[in-house]
Amino acid sequence: MAFVEIDPAEFDERIVDLYDRAWGLAMAGDSPEHCNAMTIGWGNVGVIWGKPATTVYIRESRFTKEFFDACDTFSVAFLPPELHDKHKVFGSMSGRDVNKTELTGLTPIMVDGTPIYEESALVFICRKAYADVLDAEHYVDAEARRRYYGHPSTQGDEHTMYIGYIEKILRKE
């Protein structure tokens, strides 16, 4: 099966389901051999500065963050339901310690200089527009701050918010 490009203005998926239930793979790198991906369950899709965009959040400690910081583009891929179990590897293991691509058997390929997995059902190809670390002083929801950063293992391990312009949406047909 091949990928078909979708006009972002015609994209009509259930965004909350994608990020909250299907989960995504946030991925960056400069080649199939030099890339890294991680499972994400937080994200947004909408419009910023007049362009379709997605927002992803990556903790400082994650190996994938090094790739995001080094690259101008990234992808967010959603696997088909039958491959959902692959998220166990991408969400619990570090690319510093294991080769997640080998462990999962997925196939990294490049699309417009951005890595994706060939087995993905849906992919956003994004160009970074903005990145900033979430600042403890700016939380209005103290419960969210306590819940996600209150444990000793998460203190000092803030998320960086990356906003990426969606340059392409690809769906496996």
C-alpha atoms as a PDB file:
ATOM      1  CA  MET A   1       0.000   0.000   0.000  1.00  0.00           C
ATOM      2  CA  ALA A   2       1.168   3.516  -0.762  1.00  0.00           C
ATOM      3  CA  PHE A   3       0.737   6.826   1.013  1.00  0.00           C
ATOM      4  CA  VAL A   4      -1.747   9.348  -0.363  1.00  0.00           C
ATOM      5  CA  GLU A   5      -1.376  13.036   0.472  1.00  0.00           C
ATOM      6  CA  ILE A   6      -4.342  14.746   2.152  1.00  0.00           C
ATOM      7  CA  ASP A   7      -4.959  18.489   2.066  1.00  0.00           C
ATOM      8  CA  PRO A   8      -4.794  19.698   5.697  1.00  0.00           C
ATOM      9  CA  ALA A   9      -7.994  21.701   5.105  1.00  0.00           C
ATOM     10  CA  GLU A  10      -9.763  18.399   4.302  1.00  0.00           C
ATOM     11  CA  PHE A  11      -8.389  16.496   7.305  1.00  0.00           C
ATOM     12  CA  ASP A  12     -11.304  15.407   9.472  1.00  0.00           C
ATOM     13  CA  GLU A  13      -9.975  12.853  11.952  1.00  0.00           C
ATOM     14  CA  ARG A  14     -11.012  12.748  15.584  1.00  0.00           C
ATOM     15  CA  ILE A  15      -7.939  14.512  16.966  1.00  0.00           C
ATOM     16  CA  VAL A  16      -8.572  13.680  20.616  1.00  0.00           C
ATOM     17  CA  ASP A  17      -8.808   9.991  19.716  1.00  0.00           C
ATOM     18  CA  LEU A  18      -5.580  10.137  17.717  1.00  0.00           C
ATOM     19  CA  TYR A  19      -3.465  11.563  20.499  1.00  0.00           C
ATOM     20  CA  ASP A  20      -5.275  10.185  23.525  1.00  0.00           C
ATOM     21  CA  ARG A  21      -6.220   6.678  22.391  1.00  0.00           C
ATOM     22  CA  ALA A  22      -4.280   5.760  19.266  1.00  0.00           C
ATOM     23  CA  TRP A  23      -1.131   7.585  20.410  1.00  0.00           C
ATOM     24  CA  GLY A  24       1.479   8.899  18.041  1.00  0.00           C
ATOM     25  CA  LEU A  25       5.112   8.351  17.316  1.00  0.00           C
ATOM     26  CA  ALA A  26       7.069  11.610  17.397  1.00  0.00           C
ATOM     27  CA  MET A  27      10.125  11.124  15.201  1.00  0.00           C
ATOM     28  CA  ALA A  28      13.069  13.182  13.989  1.00  0.00           C
ATOM     29  CA  GLY A  29      16.447  12.526  12.403  1.00  0.00           C
ATOM     30  CA  ASP A  30      18.457  13.000   9.250  1.00  0.00           C
ATOM     31  CA  SER A  31      18.376   9.469   7.832  1.00  0.00           C
ATOM     32  CA  PRO A  32      16.731   6.072   8.373  1.00  0.00           C
ATOM     33  CA  GLU A  33      19.885   5.027  10.230  1.00  0.00           C
ATOM     34  CA  HIS A  34      20.079   8.178  12.371  1.00  0.00           C
ATOM     35  CA  CYS A  35      16.611   8.866  13.747  1.00  0.00           C
ATOM     36  CA  ASN A  36      14.634   8.212  16.876  1.00  0.00           C
ATOM     37  CA  ALA A  37      10.959   7.965  17.769  1.00  0.00           C
ATOM     38  CA  MET A  38       8.949   7.905  20.968  1.00  0.00           C
ATOM     39  CA  THR A  39       5.311   7.344  21.863  1.00  0.00           C
ATOM     40  CA  ILE A  40       3.332  10.482  22.602  1.00  0.00           C
ATOM     41  CA  GLY A  41      -0.149  10.798  24.044  1.00  0.00           C
ATOM     42  CA  TRP A  42      -0.245  14.584  24.248  1.00  0.00           C
ATOM     43  CA  GLY A  43      -0.713  16.790  21.227  1.00  0.00           C
ATOM     44  CA  ASN A  44      -2.864  19.293  19.455  1.00  0.00           C
ATOM     45  CA  VAL A  45      -3.795  19.994  15.854  1.00  0.00           C
ATOM     46  CA  GLY A  46      -5.080  23.327  14.648  1.00  0.00           C
ATOM     47  CA  VAL A  47      -3.940  26.553  13.068  1.00  0.00           C
ATOM     48  CA  ILE A  48      -1.269  28.986  14.239  1.00  0.00           C
ATOM     49  CA  TRP A  49       0.134  31.983  12.399  1.00  0.00           C
ATOM     50  CA  GLY A  50      -2.164  31.213   9.488  1.00  0.00           C
ATOM     51  CA  LYS A  51      -0.873  27.670   8.917  1.00  0.00           C
ATOM     52  CA  PRO A  52      -2.046  24.163   9.879  1.00  0.00           C
ATOM     53  CA  ALA A  53       0.038  22.972  12.803  1.00  0.00           C
ATOM     54  CA  THR A  54       0.516  20.313  15.435  1.00  0.00           C
ATOM     55  CA  THR A  55       2.002  20.625  18.898  1.00  0.00           C
ATOM     56  CA  VAL A  56       3.925  17.855  20.637  1.00  0.00           C
ATOM     57  CA  TYR A  57       5.558  17.726  24.050  1.00  0.00           C
ATOM     58  CA  ILE A  58       8.837  15.958  24.822  1.00  0.00           C
ATOM     59  CA  ARG A  59      10.562  15.666  28.200  1.00  0.00           C
ATOM     60  CA  GLU A  60      14.102  16.944  28.593  1.00  0.00           C
ATOM     61  CA  SER A  61      15.334  13.449  29.513  1.00  0.00           C
ATOM     62  CA  ARG A  62      14.107  11.741  26.337  1.00  0.00           C
ATOM     63  CA  PHE A  63      16.673  10.718  23.709  1.00  0.00           C
ATOM     64  CA  THR A  64      14.227  11.774  20.990  1.00  0.00           C
ATOM     65  CA  LYS A  65      14.542  15.386  22.191  1.00  0.00           C
ATOM     66  CA  GLU A  66      18.150  15.486  20.969  1.00  0.00           C
ATOM     67  CA  PHE A  67      16.911  14.649  17.460  1.00  0.00           C
ATOM     68  CA  PHE A  68      14.082  17.203  17.654  1.00  0.00           C
ATOM     69  CA  ASP A  69      16.501  19.921  18.721  1.00  0.00           C
ATOM     70  CA  ALA A  70      18.978  19.076  15.956  1.00  0.00           C
ATOM     71  CA  CYS A  71      16.481  18.914  13.072  1.00  0.00           C
ATOM     72  CA  ASP A  72      14.266  21.452  11.331  1.00  0.00           C
ATOM     73  CA  THR A  73      11.541  18.883  10.628  1.00  0.00           C
ATOM     74  CA  PHE A  74       9.793  16.092  12.477  1.00  0.00           C
ATOM     75  CA  SER A  75       6.950  13.659  11.940  1.00  0.00           C
ATOM     76  CA  VAL A  76       4.043  12.460  14.002  1.00  0.00           C
ATOM     77  CA  ALA A  77       2.904   9.029  12.862  1.00  0.00           C
ATOM     78  CA  PHE A  78      -0.077   6.965  13.919  1.00  0.00           C
ATOM     79  CA  LEU A  79       0.218   3.202  13.582  1.00  0.00           C
ATOM     80  CA  PRO A  80      -2.678   1.010  12.471  1.00  0.00           C
ATOM     81  CA  PRO A  81      -4.552  -0.719  15.335  1.00  0.00           C
ATOM     82  CA  GLU A  82      -2.890  -4.074  14.685  1.00  0.00           C
ATOM     83  CA  LEU A  83       0.528  -2.498  15.451  1.00  0.00           C
ATOM     84  CA  HIS A  84      -0.595  -0.629  18.577  1.00  0.00           C
ATOM     85  CA  ASP A  85       1.480  -2.945  20.782  1.00  0.00           C
ATOM     86  CA  LYS A  86       4.673  -1.445  19.267  1.00  0.00           C
ATOM     87  CA  HIS A  87       4.047   1.580  21.505  1.00  0.00           C
ATOM     88  CA  LYS A  88       5.195  -0.525  24.469  1.00  0.00           C
ATOM     89  CA  VAL A  89       8.739  -0.346  23.096  1.00  0.00           C
ATOM     90  CA  PHE A  90       8.598   3.294  21.962  1.00  0.00           C
ATOM     91  CA  GLY A  91       7.043   4.430  25.227  1.00  0.00           C
ATOM     92  CA  SER A  92       9.126   2.496  27.730  1.00  0.00           C
ATOM     93  CA  MET A  93      12.600   2.098  26.243  1.00  0.00           C
ATOM     94  CA  SER A  94      15.252   4.628  25.332  1.00  0.00           C
ATOM     95  CA  GLY A  95      17.031   4.789  22.007  1.00  0.00           C
ATOM     96  CA  ARG A  96      20.184   5.403  24.056  1.00  0.00           C
ATOM     97  CA  ASP A  97      19.960   1.804  25.276  1.00  0.00           C
ATOM     98  CA  VAL A  98      18.202  -0.181  22.541  1.00  0.00           C
ATOM     99  CA  ASN A  99      17.460  -0.002  18.832  1.00  0.00           C
ATOM    100  CA  LYS A 100      13.682   0.459  18.902  1.00  0.00           C
ATOM    101  CA  THR A 101      13.407   0.018  15.143  1.00  0.00           C
ATOM    102  CA  GLU A 102      15.019  -3.424  15.325  1.00  0.00           C
ATOM    103  CA  LEU A 103      12.943  -4.439  18.348  1.00  0.00           C
ATOM    104  CA  THR A 104       9.658  -3.487  16.679  1.00  0.00           C
ATOM    105  CA  GLY A 105      10.500  -4.586  13.145  1.00  0.00           C
ATOM    106  CA  LEU A 106       9.258  -1.274  11.735  1.00  0.00           C
ATOM    107  CA  THR A 107      10.854   0.229   8.612  1.00  0.00           C
ATOM    108  CA  PRO A 108      12.151   3.807   8.749  1.00  0.00           C
ATOM    109  CA  ILE A 109      11.967   5.712   5.461  1.00  0.00           C
ATOM    110  CA  MET A 110      12.478   9.364   4.546  1.00  0.00           C
ATOM    111  CA  VAL A 111       9.773  11.635   3.140  1.00  0.00           C
ATOM    112  CA  ASP A 112      10.975  15.103   2.156  1.00  0.00           C
ATOM    113  CA  GLY A 113      14.019  14.724   4.428  1.00  0.00           C
ATOM    114  CA  THR A 114      11.934  13.629   7.425  1.00  0.00           C
ATOM    115  CA  PRO A 115      11.870  10.105   8.877  1.00  0.00           C
ATOM    116  CA  ILE A 116       8.614   8.168   9.170  1.00  0.00           C
ATOM    117  CA  TYR A 117       7.764   4.505   9.557  1.00  0.00           C
ATOM    118  CA  GLU A 118       6.557   2.855   6.378  1.00  0.00           C
ATOM    119  CA  GLU A 119       3.983   0.868   8.352  1.00  0.00           C
ATOM    120  CA  SER A 120       2.222   4.033   9.618  1.00  0.00           C
ATOM    121  CA  ALA A 121      -1.458   4.516   8.829  1.00  0.00           C
ATOM    122  CA  LEU A 122      -1.368   8.316   9.088  1.00  0.00           C
ATOM    123  CA  VAL A 123       1.561  10.766   9.215  1.00  0.00           C
ATOM    124  CA  PHE A 124       2.037  14.491   9.736  1.00  0.00           C
ATOM    125  CA  ILE A 125       5.240  15.844   8.176  1.00  0.00           C
ATOM    126  CA  CYS A 126       6.076  19.016  10.089  1.00  0.00           C
ATOM    127  CA  ARG A 127       8.519  21.920   9.977  1.00  0.00           C
ATOM    128  CA  LYS A 128       9.425  23.308  13.398  1.00  0.00           C
ATOM    129  CA  ALA A 129       7.952  26.753  13.985  1.00  0.00           C
ATOM    130  CA  TYR A 130       8.459  27.200  17.731  1.00  0.00           C
ATOM    131  CA  ALA A 131       9.957  25.409  20.722  1.00  0.00           C
ATOM    132  CA  ASP A 132       9.885  26.379  24.383  1.00  0.00           C
ATOM    133  CA  VAL A 133      10.218  24.654  27.748  1.00  0.00           C
ATOM    134  CA  LEU A 134       7.064  24.648  29.866  1.00  0.00           C
ATOM    135  CA  ASP A 135       7.743  27.006  32.765  1.00  0.00           C
ATOM    136  CA  ALA A 136       6.620  26.082  36.297  1.00  0.00           C
ATOM    137  CA  GLU A 137       5.739  29.711  37.014  1.00  0.00           C
ATOM    138  CA  HIS A 138       3.149  29.819  34.228  1.00  0.00           C
ATOM    139  CA  TYR A 139       0.898  26.958  35.293  1.00  0.00           C
ATOM    140  CA  VAL A 140      -2.620  28.086  36.040  1.00  0.00           C
ATOM    141  CA  ASP A 141      -3.742  24.505  36.737  1.00  0.00           C
ATOM    142  CA  ALA A 142      -1.783  23.616  39.874  1.00  0.00           C
ATOM    143  CA  GLU A 143      -3.216  20.076  39.838  1.00  0.00           C
ATOM    144  CA  ALA A 144      -1.712  19.403  36.385  1.00  0.00           C
ATOM    145  CA  ARG A 145       1.636  20.708  37.599  1.00  0.00           C
ATOM    146  CA  ARG A 146       1.477  18.494  40.695  1.00  0.00           C
ATOM    147  CA  ARG A 147       0.288  15.433  38.788  1.00  0.00           C
ATOM    148  CA  TYR A 148       2.847  15.497  35.974  1.00  0.00           C
ATOM    149  CA  TYR A 149       5.848  17.139  37.651  1.00  0.00           C
ATOM    150  CA  GLY A 150       5.321  16.627  41.392  1.00  0.00           C
ATOM    151  CA  HIS A 151       6.984  13.234  41.714  1.00  0.00           C
ATOM    152  CA  PRO A 152      10.721  13.335  42.529  1.00  0.00           C
ATOM    153  CA  SER A 153      11.457  11.382  39.331  1.00  0.00           C
ATOM    154  CA  THR A 154       9.855  14.099  37.176  1.00  0.00           C
ATOM    155  CA  GLN A 155      11.117  17.215  38.948  1.00  0.00           C
ATOM    156  CA  GLY A 156      13.460  19.111  36.648  1.00  0.00           C
ATOM    157  CA  ASP A 157      12.337  16.974  33.711  1.00  0.00           C
ATOM    158  CA  GLU A 158      10.028  19.472  32.069  1.00  0.00           C
ATOM    159  CA  HIS A 159       8.468  19.037  28.655  1.00  0.00           C
ATOM    160  CA  THR A 160       9.515  21.127  25.697  1.00  0.00           C
ATOM    161  CA  MET A 161       6.575  22.177  23.541  1.00  0.00           C
ATOM    162  CA  TYR A 162       7.276  21.950  19.816  1.00  0.00           C
ATOM    163  CA  ILE A 163       4.891  23.593  17.376  1.00  0.00           C
ATOM    164  CA  GLY A 164       5.324  22.318  13.847  1.00  0.00           C
ATOM    165  CA  TYR A 165       3.679  23.559  10.683  1.00  0.00           C
ATOM    166  CA  ILE A 166       2.024  20.574   9.014  1.00  0.00           C
ATOM    167  CA  GLU A 167       3.555  20.517   5.551  1.00  0.00           C
ATOM    168  CA  LYS A 168       1.991  17.208   4.512  1.00  0.00           C
ATOM    169  CA  ILE A 169      -0.531  14.737   5.805  1.00  0.00           C
ATOM    170  CA  LEU A 170      -0.094  11.217   4.446  1.00  0.00           C
ATOM    171  CA  ARG A 171      -2.599   8.391   4.792  1.00  0.00           C
ATOM    172  CA  LYS A 172      -1.935   4.773   3.887  1.00  0.00           C
ATOM    173  CA  GLU A 173      -4.428   3.648   1.234  1.00  0.00           C
END
